[in-house]
Amino acid sequence: MNKGCTFYFVRHGQTYFNLYRRMQGWSNIQLTEEGSEDVRRSGRGLAEVQFDAVYTSDLNRTIETAGLILEENKCGEALEIQAMPEFREVFFGSFEGLDVDEVWESINEVMGYPSVAELWAEATVPEQMNATKEADPYHHAENYLEFWSRIEKGLLTLIDKHRDTGDKVLVVAHGNTIRYMLNGLVPELDNPQPLLNASVSKVSYYEGRYHLECYNEIEHFKDLEKD
């Protein structure tokens, strides 16, 4: 029987830019105290999962998140965190650090929807990303092709290493990175909702396809037991 492999995609914990509603992208912002605690709660809920490998982006918030998860995991102490730039968040160019709502209003000026809410509801991920690059005054923001070429390279690296091993692989990355990636990989995941901090999206890979087991899961969060 084909063993396949299973990926646990976890979004990093809340950062200060998340709290302040700023475009984050490649900006290297640390976790808030609440963000760290939510990651620990998520890690406790995954404590019985015996991970075989751990990957993150090369941004500190994902590396910090992975470290906290492994501290809570009963089997993760010996695992080495492998940071990969391929799994960075979407790059927002000159929009980095700016107010989220103001940036999306600028993007919608390019797209021409009656409201930003309708843009999110009706425009595809590639359309939104391509419009972001066009709206960026410097045009440095990643468009969909640039983003997907980067992500695909990272995914192929993981598949080449873990296919048919039965491995359980922890991948700590970013909200848009995971959401846009799964939107492109899983046929039944159409226009997925934004991911919550420290949430888990579980995907099995076998017979050349990705199969979604859960998306944006936080029900596993577990508080510290009191004596």
C-alpha atoms as a PDB file:
ATOM      1  CA  MET A   1       0.000   0.000   0.000  1.00  0.00           C
ATOM      2  CA  ASN A   2       1.178   3.528  -0.816  1.00  0.00           C
ATOM      3  CA  LYS A   3       2.167   5.202   2.467  1.00  0.00           C
ATOM      4  CA  GLY A   4       2.097   8.752   1.131  1.00  0.00           C
ATOM      5  CA  CYS A   5       2.875  11.479   3.676  1.00  0.00           C
ATOM      6  CA  THR A   6       0.917  14.011   5.733  1.00  0.00           C
ATOM      7  CA  PHE A   7       1.574  17.741   6.055  1.00  0.00           C
ATOM      8  CA  TYR A   8       0.481  19.787   9.057  1.00  0.00           C
ATOM      9  CA  PHE A   9       0.499  23.386   7.817  1.00  0.00           C
ATOM     10  CA  VAL A  10       0.460  25.762  10.804  1.00  0.00           C
ATOM     11  CA  ARG A  11       0.159  29.526  10.609  1.00  0.00           C
ATOM     12  CA  HIS A  12       2.500  31.408  12.921  1.00  0.00           C
ATOM     13  CA  GLY A  13       1.194  33.023  16.113  1.00  0.00           C
ATOM     14  CA  GLN A  14      -0.082  36.584  16.310  1.00  0.00           C
ATOM     15  CA  THR A  15       2.574  39.257  15.714  1.00  0.00           C
ATOM     16  CA  TYR A  16       2.566  42.943  16.522  1.00  0.00           C
ATOM     17  CA  PHE A  17       1.766  43.779  12.879  1.00  0.00           C
ATOM     18  CA  ASN A  18      -1.194  41.378  13.049  1.00  0.00           C
ATOM     19  CA  LEU A  19      -2.351  43.190  16.178  1.00  0.00           C
ATOM     20  CA  TYR A  20      -1.871  46.629  14.627  1.00  0.00           C
ATOM     21  CA  ARG A  21      -3.451  45.514  11.303  1.00  0.00           C
ATOM     22  CA  ARG A  22      -0.397  46.268   9.207  1.00  0.00           C
ATOM     23  CA  MET A  23       0.658  44.593   5.962  1.00  0.00           C
ATOM     24  CA  GLN A  24       3.368  42.196   7.097  1.00  0.00           C
ATOM     25  CA  GLY A  25       4.757  40.176   4.207  1.00  0.00           C
ATOM     26  CA  TRP A  26       8.530  39.825   4.461  1.00  0.00           C
ATOM     27  CA  SER A  27       8.761  42.218   7.438  1.00  0.00           C
ATOM     28  CA  ASN A  28      10.409  40.357  10.320  1.00  0.00           C
ATOM     29  CA  ILE A  29       8.035  41.029  13.235  1.00  0.00           C
ATOM     30  CA  GLN A  30       8.045  39.101  16.504  1.00  0.00           C
ATOM     31  CA  LEU A  31       5.143  37.341  18.206  1.00  0.00           C
ATOM     32  CA  THR A  32       3.027  39.070  20.823  1.00  0.00           C
ATOM     33  CA  GLU A  33       2.627  37.515  24.264  1.00  0.00           C
ATOM     34  CA  GLU A  34      -0.881  36.398  23.284  1.00  0.00           C
ATOM     35  CA  GLY A  35       0.501  35.010  20.042  1.00  0.00           C
ATOM     36  CA  SER A  36       3.079  32.915  21.883  1.00  0.00           C
ATOM     37  CA  GLU A  37       0.469  31.526  24.256  1.00  0.00           C
ATOM     38  CA  ASP A  38      -1.887  30.586  21.417  1.00  0.00           C
ATOM     39  CA  VAL A  39       0.979  28.752  19.728  1.00  0.00           C
ATOM     40  CA  ARG A  40       1.613  26.838  22.946  1.00  0.00           C
ATOM     41  CA  ARG A  41      -2.097  25.968  23.154  1.00  0.00           C
ATOM     42  CA  SER A  42      -1.941  24.716  19.568  1.00  0.00           C
ATOM     43  CA  GLY A  43       1.238  22.789  20.355  1.00  0.00           C
ATOM     44  CA  ARG A  44      -0.359  21.101  23.358  1.00  0.00           C
ATOM     45  CA  GLY A  45      -3.191  19.960  21.128  1.00  0.00           C
ATOM     46  CA  LEU A  46      -0.616  18.408  18.785  1.00  0.00           C
ATOM     47  CA  ALA A  47       1.489  16.934  21.605  1.00  0.00           C
ATOM     48  CA  GLU A  48       0.734  13.322  20.651  1.00  0.00           C
ATOM     49  CA  VAL A  49       1.599  13.771  16.963  1.00  0.00           C
ATOM     50  CA  GLN A  50       4.982  12.241  16.243  1.00  0.00           C
ATOM     51  CA  PHE A  51       6.451  14.547  13.627  1.00  0.00           C
ATOM     52  CA  ASP A  52       9.241  13.240  11.431  1.00  0.00           C
ATOM     53  CA  ALA A  53      10.437  16.605  10.112  1.00  0.00           C
ATOM     54  CA  VAL A  54       9.841  20.324  10.716  1.00  0.00           C
ATOM     55  CA  TYR A  55      10.099  23.106   8.142  1.00  0.00           C
ATOM     56  CA  THR A  56       9.469  26.840   8.413  1.00  0.00           C
ATOM     57  CA  SER A  57       9.963  29.929   6.327  1.00  0.00           C
ATOM     58  CA  ASP A  58      13.167  31.838   7.067  1.00  0.00           C
ATOM     59  CA  LEU A  59      11.270  34.610   8.895  1.00  0.00           C
ATOM     60  CA  ASN A  60      11.593  34.733  12.670  1.00  0.00           C
ATOM     61  CA  ARG A  61       7.871  34.479  13.462  1.00  0.00           C
ATOM     62  CA  THR A  62       7.618  31.027  11.895  1.00  0.00           C
ATOM     63  CA  ILE A  63      10.865  29.772  13.433  1.00  0.00           C
ATOM     64  CA  GLU A  64       9.743  31.018  16.854  1.00  0.00           C
ATOM     65  CA  THR A  65       6.333  29.394  16.384  1.00  0.00           C
ATOM     66  CA  ALA A  66       7.857  26.053  15.409  1.00  0.00           C
ATOM     67  CA  GLY A  67      10.153  26.147  18.426  1.00  0.00           C
ATOM     68  CA  LEU A  68       7.230  26.693  20.797  1.00  0.00           C
ATOM     69  CA  ILE A  69       5.242  23.868  19.189  1.00  0.00           C
ATOM     70  CA  LEU A  70       8.170  21.490  19.564  1.00  0.00           C
ATOM     71  CA  GLU A  71       8.565  22.472  23.223  1.00  0.00           C
ATOM     72  CA  GLU A  72       4.979  21.326  23.786  1.00  0.00           C
ATOM     73  CA  ASN A  73       5.343  18.216  21.625  1.00  0.00           C
ATOM     74  CA  LYS A  74       6.258  15.006  23.428  1.00  0.00           C
ATOM     75  CA  CYS A  75       8.199  13.682  20.459  1.00  0.00           C
ATOM     76  CA  GLY A  76       9.716  16.825  18.976  1.00  0.00           C
ATOM     77  CA  GLU A  77      12.761  17.595  21.122  1.00  0.00           C
ATOM     78  CA  ALA A  78      15.244  15.905  18.793  1.00  0.00           C
ATOM     79  CA  LEU A  79      13.921  17.462  15.576  1.00  0.00           C
ATOM     80  CA  GLU A  80      15.878  20.150  13.759  1.00  0.00           C
ATOM     81  CA  ILE A  81      13.959  23.121  12.364  1.00  0.00           C
ATOM     82  CA  GLN A  82      14.776  23.540   8.679  1.00  0.00           C
ATOM     83  CA  ALA A  83      14.135  27.098   7.476  1.00  0.00           C
ATOM     84  CA  MET A  84      13.267  27.571   3.792  1.00  0.00           C
ATOM     85  CA  PRO A  85      12.850  30.989   2.127  1.00  0.00           C
ATOM     86  CA  GLU A  86      10.453  29.372  -0.367  1.00  0.00           C
ATOM     87  CA  PHE A  87       7.766  29.363   2.340  1.00  0.00           C
ATOM     88  CA  ARG A  88       7.905  33.081   3.133  1.00  0.00           C
ATOM     89  CA  GLU A  89       4.747  35.155   3.213  1.00  0.00           C
ATOM     90  CA  VAL A  90       3.633  36.977   0.069  1.00  0.00           C
ATOM     91  CA  PHE A  91       5.832  40.038  -0.519  1.00  0.00           C
ATOM     92  CA  PHE A  92       3.809  43.267  -0.536  1.00  0.00           C
ATOM     93  CA  GLY A  93       6.507  45.592  -1.846  1.00  0.00           C
ATOM     94  CA  SER A  94       6.139  49.213  -0.765  1.00  0.00           C
ATOM     95  CA  PHE A  95       2.856  48.320   0.985  1.00  0.00           C
ATOM     96  CA  GLU A  96       4.807  46.519   3.723  1.00  0.00           C
ATOM     97  CA  GLY A  97       4.030  48.006   7.142  1.00  0.00           C
ATOM     98  CA  LEU A  98       1.077  50.091   5.918  1.00  0.00           C
ATOM     99  CA  ASP A  99      -2.500  49.954   7.208  1.00  0.00           C
ATOM    100  CA  VAL A 100      -4.287  46.864   5.874  1.00  0.00           C
ATOM    101  CA  ASP A 101      -7.582  48.589   5.068  1.00  0.00           C
ATOM    102  CA  GLU A 102      -5.916  51.484   3.274  1.00  0.00           C
ATOM    103  CA  VAL A 103      -3.825  49.117   1.157  1.00  0.00           C
ATOM    104  CA  TRP A 104      -6.840  47.073   0.087  1.00  0.00           C
ATOM    105  CA  GLU A 105      -8.635  50.270  -0.901  1.00  0.00           C
ATOM    106  CA  SER A 106      -5.665  51.038  -3.165  1.00  0.00           C
ATOM    107  CA  ILE A 107      -5.796  47.555  -4.654  1.00  0.00           C
ATOM    108  CA  ASN A 108      -9.517  47.904  -5.267  1.00  0.00           C
ATOM    109  CA  GLU A 109      -8.911  51.134  -7.176  1.00  0.00           C
ATOM    110  CA  VAL A 110      -7.123  48.947  -9.707  1.00  0.00           C
ATOM    111  CA  MET A 111      -9.760  46.197  -9.655  1.00  0.00           C
ATOM    112  CA  GLY A 112     -12.837  48.428  -9.680  1.00  0.00           C
ATOM    113  CA  TYR A 113     -15.239  46.495  -7.439  1.00  0.00           C
ATOM    114  CA  PRO A 114     -18.011  48.440  -5.623  1.00  0.00           C
ATOM    115  CA  SER A 115     -16.327  47.554  -2.313  1.00  0.00           C
ATOM    116  CA  VAL A 116     -13.326  45.695  -0.913  1.00  0.00           C
ATOM    117  CA  ALA A 117     -15.711  43.115   0.528  1.00  0.00           C
ATOM    118  CA  GLU A 118     -16.974  42.325  -2.973  1.00  0.00           C
ATOM    119  CA  LEU A 119     -13.400  42.143  -4.237  1.00  0.00           C
ATOM    120  CA  TRP A 120     -12.600  39.476  -1.623  1.00  0.00           C
ATOM    121  CA  ALA A 121     -15.808  37.587  -2.428  1.00  0.00           C
ATOM    122  CA  GLU A 122     -15.542  37.610  -6.226  1.00  0.00           C
ATOM    123  CA  ALA A 123     -11.919  38.071  -7.354  1.00  0.00           C
ATOM    124  CA  THR A 124      -9.681  35.017  -7.623  1.00  0.00           C
ATOM    125  CA  VAL A 125      -6.410  34.751  -5.748  1.00  0.00           C
ATOM    126  CA  PRO A 126      -4.328  35.316  -8.920  1.00  0.00           C
ATOM    127  CA  GLU A 127      -6.409  38.386  -9.781  1.00  0.00           C
ATOM    128  CA  GLN A 128      -5.930  39.852  -6.307  1.00  0.00           C
ATOM    129  CA  MET A 129      -2.184  39.238  -6.321  1.00  0.00           C
ATOM    130  CA  ASN A 130      -1.682  40.626  -9.816  1.00  0.00           C
ATOM    131  CA  ALA A 131      -3.673  43.736  -8.871  1.00  0.00           C
ATOM    132  CA  THR A 132      -1.545  44.185  -5.744  1.00  0.00           C
ATOM    133  CA  LYS A 133       1.602  44.320  -7.863  1.00  0.00           C
ATOM    134  CA  GLU A 134      -0.051  46.808 -10.209  1.00  0.00           C
ATOM    135  CA  ALA A 135      -1.262  48.980  -7.318  1.00  0.00           C
ATOM    136  CA  ASP A 136       2.157  49.029  -5.616  1.00  0.00           C
ATOM    137  CA  PRO A 137       3.780  52.327  -6.759  1.00  0.00           C
ATOM    138  CA  TYR A 138       7.117  50.508  -7.154  1.00  0.00           C
ATOM    139  CA  HIS A 139       5.535  47.328  -8.591  1.00  0.00           C
ATOM    140  CA  HIS A 140       7.725  45.275  -6.243  1.00  0.00           C
ATOM    141  CA  ALA A 141       4.852  43.277  -4.708  1.00  0.00           C
ATOM    142  CA  GLU A 142       4.732  39.650  -5.829  1.00  0.00           C
ATOM    143  CA  ASN A 143       2.247  38.721  -8.506  1.00  0.00           C
ATOM    144  CA  TYR A 144       0.747  35.248  -8.619  1.00  0.00           C
ATOM    145  CA  LEU A 145       3.308  33.722 -10.986  1.00  0.00           C
ATOM    146  CA  GLU A 146       6.225  34.981  -8.886  1.00  0.00           C
ATOM    147  CA  PHE A 147       4.616  33.676  -5.704  1.00  0.00           C
ATOM    148  CA  TRP A 148       3.660  30.293  -7.148  1.00  0.00           C
ATOM    149  CA  SER A 149       7.076  29.674  -8.703  1.00  0.00           C
ATOM    150  CA  ARG A 150       8.659  30.200  -5.284  1.00  0.00           C
ATOM    151  CA  ILE A 151       6.160  28.054  -3.372  1.00  0.00           C
ATOM    152  CA  GLU A 152       6.198  25.250  -5.921  1.00  0.00           C
ATOM    153  CA  LYS A 153       9.969  24.945  -5.594  1.00  0.00           C
ATOM    154  CA  GLY A 154       9.625  24.452  -1.831  1.00  0.00           C
ATOM    155  CA  LEU A 155       6.784  21.965  -2.180  1.00  0.00           C
ATOM    156  CA  LEU A 156       8.667  19.846  -4.694  1.00  0.00           C
ATOM    157  CA  THR A 157      11.599  19.698  -2.287  1.00  0.00           C
ATOM    158  CA  LEU A 158       9.343  18.345   0.465  1.00  0.00           C
ATOM    159  CA  ILE A 159       7.528  15.893  -1.814  1.00  0.00           C
ATOM    160  CA  ASP A 160      10.797  14.534  -3.209  1.00  0.00           C
ATOM    161  CA  LYS A 161      12.031  13.872   0.334  1.00  0.00           C
ATOM    162  CA  HIS A 162       8.868  12.607   2.024  1.00  0.00           C
ATOM    163  CA  ARG A 163       6.705  10.945  -0.635  1.00  0.00           C
ATOM    164  CA  ASP A 164       5.679   7.374   0.197  1.00  0.00           C
ATOM    165  CA  THR A 165       7.439   7.461   3.586  1.00  0.00           C
ATOM    166  CA  GLY A 166       4.376   7.739   5.809  1.00  0.00           C
ATOM    167  CA  ASP A 167       6.064  10.771   7.408  1.00  0.00           C
ATOM    168  CA  LYS A 168       4.159  13.396   9.362  1.00  0.00           C
ATOM    169  CA  VAL A 169       5.649  16.739   8.403  1.00  0.00           C
ATOM    170  CA  LEU A 170       5.149  20.012  10.284  1.00  0.00           C
ATOM    171  CA  VAL A 171       5.336  23.111   8.053  1.00  0.00           C
ATOM    172  CA  VAL A 172       5.036  26.441   9.869  1.00  0.00           C
ATOM    173  CA  ALA A 173       4.392  29.257   7.422  1.00  0.00           C
ATOM    174  CA  HIS A 174       2.141  32.262   6.864  1.00  0.00           C
ATOM    175  CA  GLY A 175      -1.554  32.985   6.449  1.00  0.00           C
ATOM    176  CA  ASN A 176      -1.569  33.934   2.788  1.00  0.00           C
ATOM    177  CA  THR A 177       1.174  31.476   1.907  1.00  0.00           C
ATOM    178  CA  ILE A 178      -0.749  28.484   3.246  1.00  0.00           C
ATOM    179  CA  ARG A 179      -4.151  29.693   2.048  1.00  0.00           C
ATOM    180  CA  TYR A 180      -3.062  30.537  -1.488  1.00  0.00           C
ATOM    181  CA  MET A 181      -0.978  27.385  -1.743  1.00  0.00           C
ATOM    182  CA  LEU A 182      -3.827  25.096  -0.683  1.00  0.00           C
ATOM    183  CA  ASN A 183      -6.243  26.995  -2.915  1.00  0.00           C
ATOM    184  CA  GLY A 184      -4.038  25.966  -5.833  1.00  0.00           C
ATOM    185  CA  LEU A 185      -3.434  22.377  -4.689  1.00  0.00           C
ATOM    186  CA  VAL A 186      -6.757  21.120  -3.323  1.00  0.00           C
ATOM    187  CA  PRO A 187      -9.610  21.142  -5.859  1.00  0.00           C
ATOM    188  CA  GLU A 188     -12.383  21.110  -3.227  1.00  0.00           C
ATOM    189  CA  LEU A 189     -10.961  24.142  -1.398  1.00  0.00           C
ATOM    190  CA  ASP A 190     -12.577  26.964  -3.363  1.00  0.00           C
ATOM    191  CA  ASN A 191     -11.944  30.562  -2.211  1.00  0.00           C
ATOM    192  CA  PRO A 192     -10.847  29.537   1.313  1.00  0.00           C
ATOM    193  CA  GLN A 193     -11.285  31.897   4.250  1.00  0.00           C
ATOM    194  CA  PRO A 194      -8.268  33.664   5.839  1.00  0.00           C
ATOM    195  CA  LEU A 195      -6.400  31.544   8.359  1.00  0.00           C
ATOM    196  CA  LEU A 196      -6.389  32.155  12.100  1.00  0.00           C
ATOM    197  CA  ASN A 197      -3.080  32.487  13.919  1.00  0.00           C
ATOM    198  CA  ALA A 198      -1.656  29.140  15.122  1.00  0.00           C
ATOM    199  CA  SER A 199      -4.345  27.227  13.192  1.00  0.00           C
ATOM    200  CA  VAL A 200      -3.684  23.837  11.596  1.00  0.00           C
ATOM    201  CA  SER A 201      -4.532  22.774   8.057  1.00  0.00           C
ATOM    202  CA  LYS A 202      -3.820  19.090   7.491  1.00  0.00           C
ATOM    203  CA  VAL A 203      -3.210  17.664   4.029  1.00  0.00           C
ATOM    204  CA  SER A 204      -2.340  14.116   2.992  1.00  0.00           C
ATOM    205  CA  TYR A 205      -0.363  13.512  -0.184  1.00  0.00           C
ATOM    206  CA  TYR A 206      -0.650  10.181  -1.955  1.00  0.00           C
ATOM    207  CA  GLU A 207      -1.081   8.867  -5.492  1.00  0.00           C
ATOM    208  CA  GLY A 208       0.147  12.187  -6.831  1.00  0.00           C
ATOM    209  CA  ARG A 209      -2.616  14.282  -5.252  1.00  0.00           C
ATOM    210  CA  TYR A 210      -3.219  16.450  -2.204  1.00  0.00           C
ATOM    211  CA  HIS A 211      -6.197  15.488  -0.030  1.00  0.00           C
ATOM    212  CA  LEU A 212      -7.544  17.987   2.520  1.00  0.00           C
ATOM    213  CA  GLU A 213      -8.255  16.566   5.989  1.00  0.00           C
ATOM    214  CA  CYS A 214      -8.911  19.825   7.852  1.00  0.00           C
ATOM    215  CA  TYR A 215      -8.571  23.560   7.220  1.00  0.00           C
ATOM    216  CA  ASN A 216      -8.051  26.431   9.669  1.00  0.00           C
ATOM    217  CA  GLU A 217      -8.520  24.129  12.670  1.00  0.00           C
ATOM    218  CA  ILE A 218      -8.261  25.600  16.190  1.00  0.00           C
ATOM    219  CA  GLU A 219     -10.539  23.222  18.092  1.00  0.00           C
ATOM    220  CA  HIS A 220      -7.492  21.217  19.120  1.00  0.00           C
ATOM    221  CA  PHE A 221      -6.110  24.138  21.209  1.00  0.00           C
ATOM    222  CA  LYS A 222      -5.435  22.976  24.755  1.00  0.00           C
ATOM    223  CA  ASP A 223      -4.955  25.158  27.840  1.00  0.00           C
ATOM    224  CA  LEU A 224      -2.287  24.395  30.418  1.00  0.00           C
ATOM    225  CA  GLU A 225      -3.637  22.000  33.000  1.00  0.00           C
ATOM    226  CA  LYS A 226      -3.776  23.424  36.513  1.00  0.00           C
ATOM    227  CA  ASP A 227      -2.722  21.426  39.560  1.00  0.00           C
END
